[in-house]
C-alpha atoms as a PDB file:
ATOM      1  CA  UNK A   1      34.922 -62.638  -3.109  1.00  0.00           C
ATOM      2  CA  UNK A   2      34.364 -58.960  -3.940  1.00  0.00           C
ATOM      3  CA  UNK A   3      36.725 -57.643  -1.254  1.00  0.00           C
ATOM      4  CA  UNK A   4      33.892 -55.849   0.556  1.00  0.00           C
ATOM      5  CA  UNK A   5      33.671 -56.519   4.230  1.00  0.00           C
ATOM      6  CA  UNK A   6      30.351 -57.235   5.747  1.00  0.00           C
ATOM      7  CA  UNK A   7      29.459 -54.973   8.661  1.00  0.00           C
ATOM      8  CA  UNK A   8      27.982 -56.260  11.853  1.00  0.00           C
ATOM      9  CA  UNK A   9      24.654 -55.124  13.066  1.00  0.00           C
ATOM     10  CA  UNK A  10      26.331 -52.952  15.671  1.00  0.00           C
ATOM     11  CA  UNK A  11      28.603 -51.296  13.121  1.00  0.00           C
ATOM     12  CA  UNK A  12      25.622 -50.584  10.834  1.00  0.00           C
ATOM     13  CA  UNK A  13      23.702 -49.133  13.818  1.00  0.00           C
ATOM     14  CA  UNK A  14      26.633 -46.959  14.889  1.00  0.00           C
ATOM     15  CA  UNK A  15      27.033 -45.679  11.307  1.00  0.00           C
ATOM     16  CA  UNK A  16      23.285 -44.919  11.073  1.00  0.00           C
ATOM     17  CA  UNK A  17      23.400 -42.747  14.206  1.00  0.00           C
ATOM     18  CA  UNK A  18      26.677 -40.966  13.450  1.00  0.00           C
ATOM     19  CA  UNK A  19      26.306 -37.194  13.262  1.00  0.00           C
ATOM     20  CA  UNK A  20      28.476 -34.109  12.838  1.00  0.00           C
ATOM     21  CA  UNK A  21      27.094 -32.544  16.034  1.00  0.00           C
ATOM     22  CA  UNK A  22      28.225 -35.040  18.693  1.00  0.00           C
ATOM     23  CA  UNK A  23      30.904 -37.639  18.901  1.00  0.00           C
ATOM     24  CA  UNK A  24      30.743 -40.246  21.676  1.00  0.00           C
ATOM     25  CA  UNK A  25      32.944 -43.080  22.789  1.00  0.00           C
ATOM     26  CA  UNK A  26      33.608 -44.673  26.193  1.00  0.00           C
ATOM     27  CA  UNK A  27      34.886 -41.864  28.493  1.00  0.00           C
ATOM     28  CA  UNK A  28      34.629 -39.149  25.830  1.00  0.00           C
ATOM     29  CA  UNK A  29      31.867 -36.864  24.567  1.00  0.00           C
ATOM     30  CA  UNK A  30      32.566 -34.082  22.094  1.00  0.00           C
ATOM     31  CA  UNK A  31      30.049 -31.459  20.949  1.00  0.00           C
ATOM     32  CA  UNK A  32      31.001 -29.904  17.665  1.00  0.00           C
ATOM     33  CA  UNK A  33      34.653 -30.799  18.364  1.00  0.00           C
ATOM     34  CA  UNK A  34      34.689 -29.411  21.970  1.00  0.00           C
ATOM     35  CA  UNK A  35      35.141 -31.753  24.934  1.00  0.00           C
ATOM     36  CA  UNK A  36      31.956 -31.655  26.921  1.00  0.00           C
ATOM     37  CA  UNK A  37      33.821 -31.210  30.220  1.00  0.00           C
ATOM     38  CA  UNK A  38      35.372 -28.014  28.785  1.00  0.00           C
ATOM     39  CA  UNK A  39      31.922 -26.591  28.070  1.00  0.00           C
ATOM     40  CA  UNK A  40      30.105 -27.453  31.246  1.00  0.00           C
ATOM     41  CA  UNK A  41      30.056 -24.556  33.666  1.00  0.00           C
ATOM     42  CA  UNK A  42      31.898 -22.244  31.229  1.00  0.00           C
ATOM     43  CA  UNK A  43      29.394 -21.821  28.423  1.00  0.00           C
ATOM     44  CA  UNK A  44      25.950 -20.290  28.885  1.00  0.00           C
ATOM     45  CA  UNK A  45      22.720 -22.003  27.774  1.00  0.00           C
ATOM     46  CA  UNK A  46      22.269 -19.582  24.832  1.00  0.00           C
ATOM     47  CA  UNK A  47      25.924 -20.110  23.802  1.00  0.00           C
ATOM     48  CA  UNK A  48      25.397 -23.893  23.889  1.00  0.00           C
ATOM     49  CA  UNK A  49      22.373 -23.634  21.650  1.00  0.00           C
ATOM     50  CA  UNK A  50      24.376 -21.418  19.264  1.00  0.00           C
ATOM     51  CA  UNK A  51      27.151 -23.979  19.218  1.00  0.00           C
ATOM     52  CA  UNK A  52      24.840 -26.868  18.476  1.00  0.00           C
ATOM     53  CA  UNK A  53      23.090 -24.994  15.694  1.00  0.00           C
ATOM     54  CA  UNK A  54      25.893 -23.062  14.050  1.00  0.00           C
ATOM     55  CA  UNK A  55      28.912 -25.224  14.864  1.00  0.00           C
ATOM     56  CA  UNK A  56      30.931 -22.441  16.532  1.00  0.00           C
ATOM     57  CA  UNK A  57      30.869 -20.625  19.860  1.00  0.00           C
ATOM     58  CA  UNK A  58      29.204 -17.209  19.681  1.00  0.00           C
ATOM     59  CA  UNK A  59      30.656 -13.873  20.653  1.00  0.00           C
ATOM     60  CA  UNK A  60      29.490 -12.457  24.003  1.00  0.00           C
ATOM     61  CA  UNK A  61      27.140 -10.094  22.109  1.00  0.00           C
ATOM     62  CA  UNK A  62      25.707 -12.890  20.014  1.00  0.00           C
ATOM     63  CA  UNK A  63      25.102 -15.106  23.031  1.00  0.00           C
ATOM     64  CA  UNK A  64      23.436 -12.207  24.960  1.00  0.00           C
ATOM     65  CA  UNK A  65      21.149 -11.383  22.039  1.00  0.00           C
ATOM     66  CA  UNK A  66      20.141 -15.050  21.674  1.00  0.00           C
ATOM     67  CA  UNK A  67      19.447 -15.201  25.354  1.00  0.00           C
ATOM     68  CA  UNK A  68      17.170 -12.146  25.169  1.00  0.00           C
ATOM     69  CA  UNK A  69      15.379 -13.638  22.169  1.00  0.00           C
ATOM     70  CA  UNK A  70      14.836 -16.916  23.973  1.00  0.00           C
ATOM     71  CA  UNK A  71      13.503 -15.013  26.993  1.00  0.00           C
ATOM     72  CA  UNK A  72      11.173 -12.979  24.802  1.00  0.00           C
ATOM     73  CA  UNK A  73       9.826 -16.091  23.222  1.00  0.00           C
ATOM     74  CA  UNK A  74       8.687 -17.588  26.515  1.00  0.00           C
ATOM     75  CA  UNK A  75       7.762 -14.351  28.343  1.00  0.00           C
ATOM     76  CA  UNK A  76       4.303 -13.638  26.970  1.00  0.00           C
ATOM     77  CA  UNK A  77       0.720 -13.309  28.110  1.00  0.00           C
ATOM     78  CA  UNK A  78      -1.238 -10.881  30.265  1.00  0.00           C
ATOM     79  CA  UNK A  79       0.623 -11.850  33.445  1.00  0.00           C
ATOM     80  CA  UNK A  80       4.087 -12.012  31.984  1.00  0.00           C
ATOM     81  CA  UNK A  81       6.812 -11.228  34.503  1.00  0.00           C
ATOM     82  CA  UNK A  82       8.137  -8.425  32.291  1.00  0.00           C
ATOM     83  CA  UNK A  83       4.892  -6.402  32.641  1.00  0.00           C
ATOM     84  CA  UNK A  84       4.170  -7.143  36.300  1.00  0.00           C
END
């Protein structure tokens, strides 16, 4: 025998879906190393996007700027709320 263990279908499936962004196991979810319960209610939507994309929490200024950019991206057209 070559000494190489055969993986089960489940193990191969779990390995296929493994990512550096999220880690999940029963009773635990981590996003980029942060426990999800520590982020919920404490981190803004733009800060969460920044964390997912960049792998680190943004400064307050970075999160505010991203929030403004996201708002500008969806606030367009002749009847946009910003020009009403």
